[in-house]
């Protein structure tokens, strides 16, 4: 059990940074939309044969939209958690587990890099 806490602590000290290839914007309600360009040979074939769009739009939820602009490559996940807790209060709980999972997902899709 102690190992898991050490791993989690180390993960929370990582500094996320946006993938520079991803464009994003936010609407009047603060909801962030990521614009993912579908590149590569497989995507080109899917675009021709299956009418797959050249750009996929991903709309983040309320918490994701709050977190996304806080990602600057300087703040750690722990730093970001302070802002999230202040903004959402108990609604963000379980805070660290939730943020850790969120950043694992963002990293798995290559939306962010963790340094």
PDB file of N, CA and C in Angstrom:
ATOM      1  N   UNK A   1       0.824  -1.196   0.000  1.00  0.00           N
ATOM      2  CA  UNK A   1       0.000   0.000   0.000  1.00  0.00           C
ATOM      3  C   UNK A   1       0.862   1.251   0.000  1.00  0.00           C
ATOM      4  N   UNK A   2       1.966   1.219   0.716  1.00  0.00           N
ATOM      5  CA  UNK A   2       2.832   2.382   0.775  1.00  0.00           C
ATOM      6  C   UNK A   2       3.400   2.720  -0.606  1.00  0.00           C
ATOM      7  N   UNK A   3       3.741   1.694  -1.393  1.00  0.00           N
ATOM      8  CA  UNK A   3       4.255   1.924  -2.733  1.00  0.00           C
ATOM      9  C   UNK A   3       3.257   2.704  -3.580  1.00  0.00           C
ATOM     10  N   UNK A   4       1.996   2.352  -3.486  1.00  0.00           N
ATOM     11  CA  UNK A   4       0.964   3.028  -4.275  1.00  0.00           C
ATOM     12  C   UNK A   4       0.916   4.518  -3.934  1.00  0.00           C
ATOM     13  N   UNK A   5       1.016   4.852  -2.650  1.00  0.00           N
ATOM     14  CA  UNK A   5       0.993   6.256  -2.243  1.00  0.00           C
ATOM     15  C   UNK A   5       2.197   7.004  -2.786  1.00  0.00           C
ATOM     16  N   UNK A   6       3.369   6.361  -2.768  1.00  0.00           N
ATOM     17  CA  UNK A   6       4.567   7.001  -3.309  1.00  0.00           C
ATOM     18  C   UNK A   6       4.399   7.233  -4.803  1.00  0.00           C
ATOM     19  N   UNK A   7       3.900   6.232  -5.521  1.00  0.00           N
ATOM     20  CA  UNK A   7       3.675   6.372  -6.961  1.00  0.00           C
ATOM     21  C   UNK A   7       2.677   7.494  -7.221  1.00  0.00           C
ATOM     22  N   UNK A   8       1.579   7.519  -6.458  1.00  0.00           N
ATOM     23  CA  UNK A   8       0.569   8.541  -6.655  1.00  0.00           C
ATOM     24  C   UNK A   8       1.157   9.924  -6.372  1.00  0.00           C
ATOM     25  N   UNK A   9       1.942  10.065  -5.286  1.00  0.00           N
ATOM     26  CA  UNK A   9       2.558  11.350  -4.974  1.00  0.00           C
ATOM     27  C   UNK A   9       3.450  11.799  -6.112  1.00  0.00           C
ATOM     28  N   UNK A  10       4.271  10.896  -6.642  1.00  0.00           N
ATOM     29  CA  UNK A  10       5.152  11.252  -7.753  1.00  0.00           C
ATOM     30  C   UNK A  10       4.346  11.669  -8.971  1.00  0.00           C
ATOM     31  N   UNK A  11       3.266  10.983  -9.247  1.00  0.00           N
ATOM     32  CA  UNK A  11       2.429  11.332 -10.399  1.00  0.00           C
ATOM     33  C   UNK A  11       1.839  12.730 -10.223  1.00  0.00           C
ATOM     34  N   UNK A  12       1.398  13.043  -9.015  1.00  0.00           N
ATOM     35  CA  UNK A  12       0.781  14.342  -8.754  1.00  0.00           C
ATOM     36  C   UNK A  12       1.780  15.487  -8.840  1.00  0.00           C
ATOM     37  N   UNK A  13       3.067  15.182  -8.803  1.00  0.00           N
ATOM     38  CA  UNK A  13       4.094  16.218  -8.931  1.00  0.00           C
ATOM     39  C   UNK A  13       4.502  16.460 -10.389  1.00  0.00           C
ATOM     40  N   UNK A  14       3.919  15.721 -11.302  1.00  0.00           N
ATOM     41  CA  UNK A  14       4.208  15.929 -12.724  1.00  0.00           C
ATOM     42  C   UNK A  14       3.588  17.237 -13.190  1.00  0.00           C
ATOM     43  N   UNK A  15       4.233  17.823 -14.200  1.00  0.00           N
ATOM     44  CA  UNK A  15       3.771  19.098 -14.755  1.00  0.00           C
ATOM     45  C   UNK A  15       3.197  18.861 -16.154  1.00  0.00           C
ATOM     46  N   UNK A  16       1.867  18.924 -16.271  1.00  0.00           N
ATOM     47  CA  UNK A  16       1.263  18.719 -17.597  1.00  0.00           C
ATOM     48  C   UNK A  16       1.456  19.940 -18.494  1.00  0.00           C
ATOM     49  N   UNK A  17       1.602  19.660 -19.774  1.00  0.00           N
ATOM     50  CA  UNK A  17       1.694  20.716 -20.786  1.00  0.00           C
ATOM     51  C   UNK A  17       0.873  20.274 -21.993  1.00  0.00           C
ATOM     52  N   UNK A  18       0.171  21.225 -22.608  1.00  0.00           N
ATOM     53  CA  UNK A  18      -0.661  20.910 -23.775  1.00  0.00           C
ATOM     54  C   UNK A  18       0.193  20.389 -24.926  1.00  0.00           C
ATOM     55  N   UNK A  19      -0.389  19.495 -25.699  1.00  0.00           N
ATOM     56  CA  UNK A  19       0.208  19.087 -26.961  1.00  0.00           C
ATOM     57  C   UNK A  19       0.082  20.289 -27.898  1.00  0.00           C
ATOM     58  N   UNK A  20       1.188  20.784 -28.387  1.00  0.00           N
ATOM     59  CA  UNK A  20       1.185  22.014 -29.193  1.00  0.00           C
ATOM     60  C   UNK A  20       0.435  21.862 -30.519  1.00  0.00           C
ATOM     61  N   UNK A  21       0.160  20.646 -30.938  1.00  0.00           N
ATOM     62  CA  UNK A  21      -0.552  20.422 -32.199  1.00  0.00           C
ATOM     63  C   UNK A  21      -2.066  20.537 -32.037  1.00  0.00           C
ATOM     64  N   UNK A  22      -2.529  20.602 -30.791  1.00  0.00           N
ATOM     65  CA  UNK A  22      -3.973  20.646 -30.558  1.00  0.00           C
ATOM     66  C   UNK A  22      -4.429  22.081 -30.370  1.00  0.00           C
ATOM     67  N   UNK A  23      -5.361  22.484 -31.214  1.00  0.00           N
ATOM     68  CA  UNK A  23      -5.972  23.806 -31.070  1.00  0.00           C
ATOM     69  C   UNK A  23      -7.159  23.672 -30.127  1.00  0.00           C
ATOM     70  N   UNK A  24      -7.463  24.750 -29.419  1.00  0.00           N
ATOM     71  CA  UNK A  24      -8.610  24.711 -28.516  1.00  0.00           C
ATOM     72  C   UNK A  24      -9.181  26.107 -28.349  1.00  0.00           C
ATOM     73  N   UNK A  25     -10.434  26.140 -27.946  1.00  0.00           N
ATOM     74  CA  UNK A  25     -11.088  27.405 -27.654  1.00  0.00           C
ATOM     75  C   UNK A  25     -12.139  27.156 -26.590  1.00  0.00           C
ATOM     76  N   UNK A  26     -12.649  28.240 -26.035  1.00  0.00           N
ATOM     77  CA  UNK A  26     -13.725  28.095 -25.053  1.00  0.00           C
ATOM     78  C   UNK A  26     -14.878  28.994 -25.458  1.00  0.00           C
ATOM     79  N   UNK A  27     -16.093  28.541 -25.150  1.00  0.00           N
ATOM     80  CA  UNK A  27     -17.276  29.308 -25.517  1.00  0.00           C
ATOM     81  C   UNK A  27     -17.625  30.305 -24.411  1.00  0.00           C
ATOM     82  N   UNK A  28     -18.728  30.998 -24.579  1.00  0.00           N
ATOM     83  CA  UNK A  28     -19.149  32.027 -23.619  1.00  0.00           C
ATOM     84  C   UNK A  28     -19.442  31.459 -22.228  1.00  0.00           C
ATOM     85  N   UNK A  29     -19.695  30.158 -22.143  1.00  0.00           N
ATOM     86  CA  UNK A  29     -19.946  29.506 -20.852  1.00  0.00           C
ATOM     87  C   UNK A  29     -18.682  28.902 -20.248  1.00  0.00           C
ATOM     88  N   UNK A  30     -17.553  29.073 -20.925  1.00  0.00           N
ATOM     89  CA  UNK A  30     -16.294  28.540 -20.419  1.00  0.00           C
ATOM     90  C   UNK A  30     -16.031  27.096 -20.781  1.00  0.00           C
ATOM     91  N   UNK A  31     -16.887  26.497 -21.613  1.00  0.00           N
ATOM     92  CA  UNK A  31     -16.691  25.105 -22.020  1.00  0.00           C
ATOM     93  C   UNK A  31     -15.612  25.048 -23.103  1.00  0.00           C
ATOM     94  N   UNK A  32     -14.597  24.239 -22.848  1.00  0.00           N
ATOM     95  CA  UNK A  32     -13.460  24.119 -23.758  1.00  0.00           C
ATOM     96  C   UNK A  32     -13.742  23.045 -24.803  1.00  0.00           C
ATOM     97  N   UNK A  33     -13.389  23.362 -26.045  1.00  0.00           N
ATOM     98  CA  UNK A  33     -13.481  22.409 -27.144  1.00  0.00           C
ATOM     99  C   UNK A  33     -12.090  22.225 -27.731  1.00  0.00           C
ATOM    100  N   UNK A  34     -11.639  20.973 -27.791  1.00  0.00           N
ATOM    101  CA  UNK A  34     -10.363  20.633 -28.412  1.00  0.00           C
ATOM    102  C   UNK A  34     -10.606  20.298 -29.869  1.00  0.00           C
ATOM    103  N   UNK A  35      -9.712  20.741 -30.737  1.00  0.00           N
ATOM    104  CA  UNK A  35      -9.804  20.447 -32.166  1.00  0.00           C
ATOM    105  C   UNK A  35      -8.671  19.485 -32.503  1.00  0.00           C
ATOM    106  N   UNK A  36      -9.031  18.239 -32.775  1.00  0.00           N
ATOM    107  CA  UNK A  36      -8.047  17.196 -33.049  1.00  0.00           C
ATOM    108  C   UNK A  36      -8.046  16.914 -34.548  1.00  0.00           C
ATOM    109  N   UNK A  37      -6.914  17.192 -35.192  1.00  0.00           N
ATOM    110  CA  UNK A  37      -6.793  16.906 -36.622  1.00  0.00           C
ATOM    111  C   UNK A  37      -6.514  15.421 -36.805  1.00  0.00           C
ATOM    112  N   UNK A  38      -7.321  14.780 -37.617  1.00  0.00           N
ATOM    113  CA  UNK A  38      -7.174  13.350 -37.902  1.00  0.00           C
ATOM    114  C   UNK A  38      -6.155  13.179 -39.020  1.00  0.00           C
ATOM    115  N   UNK A  39      -4.913  12.861 -38.610  1.00  0.00           N
ATOM    116  CA  UNK A  39      -3.813  12.757 -39.564  1.00  0.00           C
ATOM    117  C   UNK A  39      -3.415  11.298 -39.754  1.00  0.00           C
ATOM    118  N   UNK A  40      -2.535  11.085 -40.686  1.00  0.00           N
ATOM    119  CA  UNK A  40      -1.998   9.750 -40.923  1.00  0.00           C
ATOM    120  C   UNK A  40      -2.731   9.039 -42.044  1.00  0.00           C
ATOM    121  N   UNK A  41      -2.113   8.016 -42.556  1.00  0.00           N
ATOM    122  CA  UNK A  41      -2.651   7.280 -43.703  1.00  0.00           C
ATOM    123  C   UNK A  41      -3.976   6.601 -43.374  1.00  0.00           C
ATOM    124  N   UNK A  42      -4.074   6.007 -42.184  1.00  0.00           N
ATOM    125  CA  UNK A  42      -5.314   5.324 -41.810  1.00  0.00           C
ATOM    126  C   UNK A  42      -6.471   6.319 -41.735  1.00  0.00           C
ATOM    127  N   UNK A  43      -6.206   7.499 -41.213  1.00  0.00           N
ATOM    128  CA  UNK A  43      -7.256   8.516 -41.138  1.00  0.00           C
ATOM    129  C   UNK A  43      -7.633   9.037 -42.516  1.00  0.00           C
ATOM    130  N   UNK A  44      -6.656   9.172 -43.401  1.00  0.00           N
ATOM    131  CA  UNK A  44      -6.973   9.632 -44.765  1.00  0.00           C
ATOM    132  C   UNK A  44      -7.867   8.623 -45.492  1.00  0.00           C
ATOM    133  N   UNK A  45      -7.562   7.357 -45.302  1.00  0.00           N
ATOM    134  CA  UNK A  45      -8.389   6.309 -45.923  1.00  0.00           C
ATOM    135  C   UNK A  45      -9.800   6.356 -45.333  1.00  0.00           C
ATOM    136  N   UNK A  46      -9.891   6.481 -44.012  1.00  0.00           N
ATOM    137  CA  UNK A  46     -11.201   6.555 -43.359  1.00  0.00           C
ATOM    138  C   UNK A  46     -11.965   7.798 -43.805  1.00  0.00           C
ATOM    139  N   UNK A  47     -11.253   8.889 -44.055  1.00  0.00           N
ATOM    140  CA  UNK A  47     -11.915  10.101 -44.533  1.00  0.00           C
ATOM    141  C   UNK A  47     -12.505   9.885 -45.929  1.00  0.00           C
ATOM    142  N   UNK A  48     -11.761   9.179 -46.757  1.00  0.00           N
ATOM    143  CA  UNK A  48     -12.235   8.930 -48.123  1.00  0.00           C
ATOM    144  C   UNK A  48     -13.365   7.902 -48.138  1.00  0.00           C
ATOM    145  N   UNK A  49     -13.180   6.793 -47.450  1.00  0.00           N
ATOM    146  CA  UNK A  49     -14.136   5.699 -47.527  1.00  0.00           C
ATOM    147  C   UNK A  49     -15.328   5.841 -46.588  1.00  0.00           C
ATOM    148  N   UNK A  50     -15.076   6.346 -45.392  1.00  0.00           N
ATOM    149  CA  UNK A  50     -16.120   6.374 -44.370  1.00  0.00           C
ATOM    150  C   UNK A  50     -16.614   7.785 -44.047  1.00  0.00           C
ATOM    151  N   UNK A  51     -16.117   8.750 -44.794  1.00  0.00           N
ATOM    152  CA  UNK A  51     -16.503  10.156 -44.581  1.00  0.00           C
ATOM    153  C   UNK A  51     -16.130  10.640 -43.182  1.00  0.00           C
ATOM    154  N   UNK A  52     -15.023  10.095 -42.635  1.00  0.00           N
ATOM    155  CA  UNK A  52     -14.539  10.548 -41.332  1.00  0.00           C
ATOM    156  C   UNK A  52     -14.118  12.006 -41.466  1.00  0.00           C
ATOM    157  N   UNK A  53     -14.483  12.854 -40.509  1.00  0.00           N
ATOM    158  CA  UNK A  53     -14.131  14.270 -40.621  1.00  0.00           C
ATOM    159  C   UNK A  53     -12.623  14.496 -40.482  1.00  0.00           C
ATOM    160  N   UNK A  54     -12.138  15.554 -41.110  1.00  0.00           N
ATOM    161  CA  UNK A  54     -10.722  15.898 -41.018  1.00  0.00           C
ATOM    162  C   UNK A  54     -10.376  16.357 -39.598  1.00  0.00           C
ATOM    163  N   UNK A  55     -11.337  16.977 -38.924  1.00  0.00           N
ATOM    164  CA  UNK A  55     -11.122  17.449 -37.557  1.00  0.00           C
ATOM    165  C   UNK A  55     -12.208  16.884 -36.651  1.00  0.00           C
ATOM    166  N   UNK A  56     -11.793  16.366 -35.500  1.00  0.00           N
ATOM    167  CA  UNK A  56     -12.723  15.891 -34.483  1.00  0.00           C
ATOM    168  C   UNK A  56     -12.763  16.928 -33.377  1.00  0.00           C
ATOM    169  N   UNK A  57     -13.965  17.284 -32.947  1.00  0.00           N
ATOM    170  CA  UNK A  57     -14.146  18.270 -31.881  1.00  0.00           C
ATOM    171  C   UNK A  57     -14.515  17.541 -30.597  1.00  0.00           C
ATOM    172  N   UNK A  58     -13.747  17.802 -29.544  1.00  0.00           N
ATOM    173  CA  UNK A  58     -13.986  17.167 -28.253  1.00  0.00           C
ATOM    174  C   UNK A  58     -14.360  18.252 -27.259  1.00  0.00           C
ATOM    175  N   UNK A  59     -15.576  18.144 -26.722  1.00  0.00           N
ATOM    176  CA  UNK A  59     -16.093  19.128 -25.776  1.00  0.00           C
ATOM    177  C   UNK A  59     -15.845  18.600 -24.361  1.00  0.00           C
ATOM    178  N   UNK A  60     -15.079  19.345 -23.583  1.00  0.00           N
ATOM    179  CA  UNK A  60     -14.779  18.936 -22.214  1.00  0.00           C
ATOM    180  C   UNK A  60     -15.946  19.269 -21.302  1.00  0.00           C
ATOM    181  N   UNK A  61     -16.053  18.533 -20.211  1.00  0.00           N
ATOM    182  CA  UNK A  61     -17.108  18.810 -19.232  1.00  0.00           C
ATOM    183  C   UNK A  61     -16.706  20.038 -18.397  1.00  0.00           C
ATOM    184  N   UNK A  62     -17.542  20.383 -17.434  1.00  0.00           N
ATOM    185  CA  UNK A  62     -17.325  21.591 -16.643  1.00  0.00           C
ATOM    186  C   UNK A  62     -15.968  21.573 -15.933  1.00  0.00           C
ATOM    187  N   UNK A  63     -15.644  20.476 -15.272  1.00  0.00           N
ATOM    188  CA  UNK A  63     -14.384  20.418 -14.544  1.00  0.00           C
ATOM    189  C   UNK A  63     -13.194  20.370 -15.504  1.00  0.00           C
ATOM    190  N   UNK A  64     -13.301  19.590 -16.550  1.00  0.00           N
ATOM    191  CA  UNK A  64     -12.230  19.526 -17.546  1.00  0.00           C
ATOM    192  C   UNK A  64     -11.983  20.878 -18.192  1.00  0.00           C
ATOM    193  N   UNK A  65     -13.062  21.618 -18.433  1.00  0.00           N
ATOM    194  CA  UNK A  65     -12.947  22.951 -19.026  1.00  0.00           C
ATOM    195  C   UNK A  65     -12.305  23.938 -18.059  1.00  0.00           C
ATOM    196  N   UNK A  66     -12.508  23.713 -16.776  1.00  0.00           N
ATOM    197  CA  UNK A  66     -11.871  24.570 -15.775  1.00  0.00           C
ATOM    198  C   UNK A  66     -10.372  24.258 -15.691  1.00  0.00           C
ATOM    199  N   UNK A  67     -10.034  22.971 -15.741  1.00  0.00           N
ATOM    200  CA  UNK A  67      -8.650  22.533 -15.589  1.00  0.00           C
ATOM    201  C   UNK A  67      -7.808  22.866 -16.815  1.00  0.00           C
ATOM    202  N   UNK A  68      -8.344  22.690 -18.015  1.00  0.00           N
ATOM    203  CA  UNK A  68      -7.560  22.808 -19.247  1.00  0.00           C
ATOM    204  C   UNK A  68      -6.760  24.112 -19.332  1.00  0.00           C
ATOM    205  N   UNK A  69      -7.350  25.284 -19.093  1.00  0.00           N
ATOM    206  CA  UNK A  69      -6.561  26.519 -19.177  1.00  0.00           C
ATOM    207  C   UNK A  69      -5.493  26.648 -18.079  1.00  0.00           C
ATOM    208  N   UNK A  70      -5.611  25.878 -17.013  1.00  0.00           N
ATOM    209  CA  UNK A  70      -4.618  25.914 -15.940  1.00  0.00           C
ATOM    210  C   UNK A  70      -3.354  25.140 -16.295  1.00  0.00           C
ATOM    211  N   UNK A  71      -3.415  24.338 -17.330  1.00  0.00           N
ATOM    212  CA  UNK A  71      -2.273  23.531 -17.757  1.00  0.00           C
ATOM    213  C   UNK A  71      -1.303  24.448 -18.495  1.00  0.00           C
ATOM    214  N   UNK A  72      -0.117  24.634 -17.900  1.00  0.00           N
ATOM    215  CA  UNK A  72       0.837  25.565 -18.492  1.00  0.00           C
ATOM    216  C   UNK A  72       2.267  25.045 -18.548  1.00  0.00           C
ATOM    217  N   UNK A  73       2.480  23.804 -18.114  1.00  0.00           N
ATOM    218  CA  UNK A  73       3.823  23.251 -18.117  1.00  0.00           C
ATOM    219  C   UNK A  73       4.638  23.651 -16.896  1.00  0.00           C
ATOM    220  N   UNK A  74       4.118  24.547 -16.094  1.00  0.00           N
ATOM    221  CA  UNK A  74       4.804  24.996 -14.875  1.00  0.00           C
ATOM    222  C   UNK A  74       4.112  24.474 -13.617  1.00  0.00           C
ATOM    223  N   UNK A  75       2.777  24.442 -13.648  1.00  0.00           N
ATOM    224  CA  UNK A  75       2.022  23.957 -12.484  1.00  0.00           C
ATOM    225  C   UNK A  75       2.037  22.436 -12.460  1.00  0.00           C
ATOM    226  N   UNK A  76       2.188  21.898 -11.257  1.00  0.00           N
ATOM    227  CA  UNK A  76       2.061  20.448 -11.090  1.00  0.00           C
ATOM    228  C   UNK A  76       0.573  20.108 -10.982  1.00  0.00           C
ATOM    229  N   UNK A  77       0.272  18.828 -11.062  1.00  0.00           N
ATOM    230  CA  UNK A  77      -1.110  18.384 -10.868  1.00  0.00           C
ATOM    231  C   UNK A  77      -1.570  18.765  -9.461  1.00  0.00           C
ATOM    232  N   UNK A  78      -0.670  18.691  -8.489  1.00  0.00           N
ATOM    233  CA  UNK A  78      -1.007  19.107  -7.122  1.00  0.00           C
ATOM    234  C   UNK A  78      -1.353  20.590  -7.084  1.00  0.00           C
ATOM    235  N   UNK A  79      -0.582  21.424  -7.779  1.00  0.00           N
ATOM    236  CA  UNK A  79      -0.885  22.866  -7.851  1.00  0.00           C
ATOM    237  C   UNK A  79      -2.276  23.092  -8.438  1.00  0.00           C
ATOM    238  N   UNK A  80      -2.567  22.389  -9.508  1.00  0.00           N
ATOM    239  CA  UNK A  80      -3.870  22.523 -10.171  1.00  0.00           C
ATOM    240  C   UNK A  80      -4.984  22.086  -9.236  1.00  0.00           C
ATOM    241  N   UNK A  81      -4.718  21.066  -8.416  1.00  0.00           N
ATOM    242  CA  UNK A  81      -5.750  20.563  -7.501  1.00  0.00           C
ATOM    243  C   UNK A  81      -6.195  21.633  -6.503  1.00  0.00           C
ATOM    244  N   UNK A  82      -5.304  22.532  -6.124  1.00  0.00           N
ATOM    245  CA  UNK A  82      -5.658  23.609  -5.197  1.00  0.00           C
ATOM    246  C   UNK A  82      -6.723  24.511  -5.828  1.00  0.00           C
ATOM    247  N   UNK A  83      -6.521  24.874  -7.096  1.00  0.00           N
ATOM    248  CA  UNK A  83      -7.499  25.702  -7.808  1.00  0.00           C
ATOM    249  C   UNK A  83      -8.836  24.977  -7.947  1.00  0.00           C
ATOM    250  N   UNK A  84      -8.768  23.694  -8.285  1.00  0.00           N
ATOM    251  CA  UNK A  84      -9.990  22.897  -8.471  1.00  0.00           C
ATOM    252  C   UNK A  84     -10.772  22.816  -7.169  1.00  0.00           C
ATOM    253  N   UNK A  85     -10.076  22.567  -6.067  1.00  0.00           N
ATOM    254  CA  UNK A  85     -10.737  22.463  -4.761  1.00  0.00           C
ATOM    255  C   UNK A  85     -11.395  23.787  -4.378  1.00  0.00           C
ATOM    256  N   UNK A  86     -10.702  24.904  -4.628  1.00  0.00           N
ATOM    257  CA  UNK A  86     -11.270  26.227  -4.328  1.00  0.00           C
ATOM    258  C   UNK A  86     -12.524  26.491  -5.162  1.00  0.00           C
ATOM    259  N   UNK A  87     -12.481  26.114  -6.420  1.00  0.00           N
ATOM    260  CA  UNK A  87     -13.580  26.409  -7.347  1.00  0.00           C
ATOM    261  C   UNK A  87     -14.780  25.479  -7.155  1.00  0.00           C
ATOM    262  N   UNK A  88     -14.528  24.180  -7.012  1.00  0.00           N
ATOM    263  CA  UNK A  88     -15.607  23.190  -6.976  1.00  0.00           C
ATOM    264  C   UNK A  88     -15.947  22.682  -5.578  1.00  0.00           C
ATOM    265  N   UNK A  89     -15.070  22.905  -4.619  1.00  0.00           N
ATOM    266  CA  UNK A  89     -15.316  22.423  -3.258  1.00  0.00           C
ATOM    267  C   UNK A  89     -15.452  20.910  -3.216  1.00  0.00           C
ATOM    268  N   UNK A  90     -16.428  20.437  -2.432  1.00  0.00           N
ATOM    269  CA  UNK A  90     -16.641  18.992  -2.260  1.00  0.00           C
ATOM    270  C   UNK A  90     -17.097  18.301  -3.545  1.00  0.00           C
ATOM    271  N   UNK A  91     -17.597  19.074  -4.491  1.00  0.00           N
ATOM    272  CA  UNK A  91     -18.042  18.509  -5.771  1.00  0.00           C
ATOM    273  C   UNK A  91     -16.880  17.841  -6.530  1.00  0.00           C
ATOM    274  N   UNK A  92     -15.650  18.249  -6.198  1.00  0.00           N
ATOM    275  CA  UNK A  92     -14.468  17.704  -6.873  1.00  0.00           C
ATOM    276  C   UNK A  92     -13.975  16.400  -6.256  1.00  0.00           C
ATOM    277  N   UNK A  93     -14.492  16.035  -5.106  1.00  0.00           N
ATOM    278  CA  UNK A  93     -14.017  14.832  -4.411  1.00  0.00           C
ATOM    279  C   UNK A  93     -14.454  13.554  -5.108  1.00  0.00           C
ATOM    280  N   UNK A  94     -13.622  12.521  -5.089  1.00  0.00           N
ATOM    281  CA  UNK A  94     -12.282  12.432  -4.515  1.00  0.00           C
ATOM    282  C   UNK A  94     -11.266  13.128  -5.427  1.00  0.00           C
ATOM    283  N   UNK A  95     -10.754  14.242  -4.971  1.00  0.00           N
ATOM    284  CA  UNK A  95      -9.986  15.185  -5.779  1.00  0.00           C
ATOM    285  C   UNK A  95      -8.753  14.578  -6.449  1.00  0.00           C
ATOM    286  N   UNK A  96      -7.846  14.022  -5.671  1.00  0.00           N
ATOM    287  CA  UNK A  96      -6.580  13.550  -6.248  1.00  0.00           C
ATOM    288  C   UNK A  96      -6.775  12.362  -7.181  1.00  0.00           C
ATOM    289  N   UNK A  97      -7.633  11.442  -6.786  1.00  0.00           N
ATOM    290  CA  UNK A  97      -7.893  10.286  -7.642  1.00  0.00           C
ATOM    291  C   UNK A  97      -8.522  10.729  -8.959  1.00  0.00           C
ATOM    292  N   UNK A  98      -9.428  11.659  -8.854  1.00  0.00           N
ATOM    293  CA  UNK A  98     -10.133  12.144 -10.042  1.00  0.00           C
ATOM    294  C   UNK A  98      -9.185  12.867 -10.998  1.00  0.00           C
ATOM    295  N   UNK A  99      -8.346  13.762 -10.444  1.00  0.00           N
ATOM    296  CA  UNK A  99      -7.394  14.477 -11.294  1.00  0.00           C
ATOM    297  C   UNK A  99      -6.341  13.535 -11.870  1.00  0.00           C
ATOM    298  N   UNK A 100      -5.881  12.585 -11.058  1.00  0.00           N
ATOM    299  CA  UNK A 100      -4.891  11.624 -11.564  1.00  0.00           C
ATOM    300  C   UNK A 100      -5.461  10.860 -12.752  1.00  0.00           C
ATOM    301  N   UNK A 101      -6.686  10.389 -12.639  1.00  0.00           N
ATOM    302  CA  UNK A 101      -7.321   9.650 -13.738  1.00  0.00           C
ATOM    303  C   UNK A 101      -7.510  10.550 -14.957  1.00  0.00           C
ATOM    304  N   UNK A 102      -7.950  11.790 -14.726  1.00  0.00           N
ATOM    305  CA  UNK A 102      -8.168  12.752 -15.814  1.00  0.00           C
ATOM    306  C   UNK A 102      -6.872  12.953 -16.603  1.00  0.00           C
ATOM    307  N   UNK A 103      -5.759  13.174 -15.886  1.00  0.00           N
ATOM    308  CA  UNK A 103      -4.492  13.401 -16.579  1.00  0.00           C
ATOM    309  C   UNK A 103      -3.952  12.135 -17.224  1.00  0.00           C
ATOM    310  N   UNK A 104      -4.236  10.980 -16.652  1.00  0.00           N
ATOM    311  CA  UNK A 104      -3.847   9.726 -17.304  1.00  0.00           C
ATOM    312  C   UNK A 104      -4.572   9.591 -18.643  1.00  0.00           C
ATOM    313  N   UNK A 105      -5.850   9.945 -18.656  1.00  0.00           N
ATOM    314  CA  UNK A 105      -6.631   9.869 -19.901  1.00  0.00           C
ATOM    315  C   UNK A 105      -6.107  10.879 -20.914  1.00  0.00           C
ATOM    316  N   UNK A 106      -5.892  12.129 -20.477  1.00  0.00           N
ATOM    317  CA  UNK A 106      -5.369  13.153 -21.394  1.00  0.00           C
ATOM    318  C   UNK A 106      -4.031  12.722 -21.984  1.00  0.00           C
ATOM    319  N   UNK A 107      -3.184  12.131 -21.152  1.00  0.00           N
ATOM    320  CA  UNK A 107      -1.883  11.682 -21.633  1.00  0.00           C
ATOM    321  C   UNK A 107      -2.026  10.500 -22.603  1.00  0.00           C
ATOM    322  N   UNK A 108      -2.943   9.580 -22.309  1.00  0.00           N
ATOM    323  CA  UNK A 108      -3.107   8.403 -23.173  1.00  0.00           C
ATOM    324  C   UNK A 108      -3.570   8.790 -24.577  1.00  0.00           C
ATOM    325  N   UNK A 109      -4.336   9.871 -24.677  1.00  0.00           N
ATOM    326  CA  UNK A 109      -4.786  10.355 -25.988  1.00  0.00           C
ATOM    327  C   UNK A 109      -3.815  11.355 -26.596  1.00  0.00           C
ATOM    328  N   UNK A 110      -2.700  11.597 -25.898  1.00  0.00           N
ATOM    329  CA  UNK A 110      -1.670  12.528 -26.340  1.00  0.00           C
ATOM    330  C   UNK A 110      -2.171  13.975 -26.435  1.00  0.00           C
ATOM    331  N   UNK A 111      -3.150  14.310 -25.582  1.00  0.00           N
ATOM    332  CA  UNK A 111      -3.632  15.691 -25.500  1.00  0.00           C
ATOM    333  C   UNK A 111      -2.686  16.533 -24.658  1.00  0.00           C
ATOM    334  N   UNK A 112      -1.993  15.885 -23.704  1.00  0.00           N
ATOM    335  CA  UNK A 112      -0.982  16.546 -22.880  1.00  0.00           C
ATOM    336  C   UNK A 112       0.233  15.644 -22.757  1.00  0.00           C
ATOM    337  N   UNK A 113       1.335  16.264 -22.398  1.00  0.00           N
ATOM    338  CA  UNK A 113       2.544  15.542 -22.026  1.00  0.00           C
ATOM    339  C   UNK A 113       2.791  15.845 -20.563  1.00  0.00           C
ATOM    340  N   UNK A 114       3.295  14.879 -19.835  1.00  0.00           N
ATOM    341  CA  UNK A 114       3.600  15.062 -18.418  1.00  0.00           C
ATOM    342  C   UNK A 114       5.107  15.059 -18.246  1.00  0.00           C
ATOM    343  N   UNK A 115       5.617  16.140 -17.658  1.00  0.00           N
ATOM    344  CA  UNK A 115       7.068  16.193 -17.452  1.00  0.00           C
ATOM    345  C   UNK A 115       7.396  16.240 -15.976  1.00  0.00           C
TER     346      UNK A 115
END
